[in-house]
Amino acid sequence: MYADDILLISATCNGLSRLIEICEQEMPWLDMQFNARKSCMVRCGPRHNKECANILLDGVPLIRGKTFKYLGILSEVGGKLRFLLQPRG
């Protein structure tokens, strides 16, 4: 993990909200802050397209995405999580 690259994984939306709350409590102690504009939430699995409550980061709802990039690797979500190791052309 780098200071500006954090990936939180949870089996439920409520669990993810709780993980974010814990991180938000620790950030001032680390003299760091989240940037909600650079953050997103993705869901994968059989319920990936079902609605769930907004996940908030510093009071701002996270954008829901279909792809995300972590440590230079592009990932695509849906029924399954796919890692795109080669550029799409």
Protein backbone atom coordinates (compact mmCIF):
# COMPACT_ATOMS: atom_id res chain seq x y z
CA MET A 1 0.00 0.00 0.00
CA TYR A 2 1.23 3.46 -0.86
CA ALA A 3 0.07 6.57 0.97
CA ASP A 4 -2.23 7.45 -1.92
CA ASP A 5 -3.32 3.96 -3.00
CA ILE A 6 -5.77 2.20 -0.71
CA LEU A 7 -8.16 -0.53 -1.78
CA LEU A 8 -10.93 -1.55 0.64
CA ILE A 9 -12.80 -4.79 0.00
CA SER A 10 -15.96 -5.91 1.75
CA ALA A 11 -18.62 -8.55 1.16
CA THR A 12 -21.42 -6.06 1.90
CA CYS A 13 -22.20 -2.38 1.39
CA ASN A 14 -22.70 -1.96 5.13
CA GLY A 15 -19.32 -3.56 5.75
CA LEU A 16 -17.69 -1.16 3.28
CA SER A 17 -19.33 1.82 5.00
CA ARG A 18 -17.93 0.65 8.32
CA LEU A 19 -14.42 0.19 6.87
CA ILE A 20 -14.54 3.72 5.47
CA GLU A 21 -15.69 5.10 8.84
CA ILE A 22 -12.74 3.41 10.56
CA CYS A 23 -10.31 4.83 7.98
CA GLU A 24 -11.83 8.31 8.30
CA GLN A 25 -11.20 8.20 12.05
CA GLU A 26 -7.53 7.28 11.52
CA MET A 27 -6.71 9.77 8.76
CA PRO A 28 -6.26 12.85 10.99
CA TRP A 29 -3.88 10.86 13.21
CA LEU A 30 -1.81 10.08 10.08
CA ASP A 31 -2.03 13.71 8.92
CA MET A 32 -3.72 12.56 5.72
CA GLN A 33 -7.08 13.04 4.04
CA PHE A 34 -9.14 11.27 1.41
CA ASN A 35 -10.01 12.81 -1.94
CA ALA A 36 -13.60 11.73 -2.67
CA ARG A 37 -13.28 13.01 -6.27
CA LYS A 38 -10.53 10.45 -6.96
CA SER A 39 -12.34 7.61 -5.19
CA CYS A 40 -15.03 5.26 -6.45
CA MET A 41 -17.05 2.22 -5.47
CA VAL A 42 -17.53 -0.87 -7.60
CA ARG A 43 -19.61 -3.99 -7.08
CA CYS A 44 -19.05 -7.40 -8.58
CA GLY A 45 -20.88 -10.69 -8.34
CA PRO A 46 -24.46 -11.76 -8.95
CA ARG A 47 -25.85 -8.60 -7.29
CA HIS A 48 -23.50 -6.14 -9.02
CA ASN A 49 -26.35 -4.26 -10.71
CA LYS A 50 -28.68 -4.08 -7.69
CA GLU A 51 -29.14 -0.76 -5.93
CA CYS A 52 -27.69 -0.21 -2.48
CA ALA A 53 -27.48 2.78 -0.17
CA ASN A 54 -24.97 5.49 -1.03
CA ILE A 55 -21.51 4.88 0.37
CA LEU A 56 -20.17 8.15 1.80
CA LEU A 57 -16.55 9.29 2.00
CA ASP A 58 -16.11 12.45 4.07
CA GLY A 59 -19.85 13.04 3.63
CA VAL A 60 -19.69 12.79 -0.19
CA PRO A 61 -21.38 9.87 -2.01
CA LEU A 62 -18.84 7.73 -3.84
CA ILE A 63 -19.17 7.51 -7.61
CA ARG A 64 -20.15 4.03 -8.77
CA GLY A 65 -17.98 2.71 -11.54
CA LYS A 66 -17.62 -0.27 -13.83
CA THR A 67 -13.82 -0.09 -14.00
CA PHE A 68 -11.04 1.00 -11.69
CA LYS A 69 -7.28 1.26 -11.85
CA TYR A 70 -5.18 0.15 -8.89
CA LEU A 71 -1.38 0.21 -8.92
CA GLY A 72 -1.47 0.54 -12.71
CA ILE A 73 -3.72 -2.47 -13.35
CA LEU A 74 -7.12 -1.81 -14.90
CA SER A 75 -9.96 -3.94 -13.54
CA GLU A 76 -13.48 -4.36 -14.87
CA VAL A 77 -16.42 -5.39 -12.71
CA GLY A 78 -19.77 -6.99 -13.38
CA GLY A 79 -20.85 -10.55 -12.70
CA LYS A 80 -17.14 -11.30 -12.36
CA LEU A 81 -14.01 -9.28 -11.62
CA ARG A 82 -11.64 -9.13 -14.59
CA PHE A 83 -8.09 -7.81 -14.66
CA LEU A 84 -7.16 -6.22 -17.99
CA LEU A 85 -3.43 -6.80 -18.36
CA GLN A 86 -3.17 -5.67 -21.98
CA PRO A 87 -4.42 -2.37 -23.39
CA ARG A 88 -7.71 -2.62 -25.25
CA GLY A 89 -7.53 -1.67 -28.89
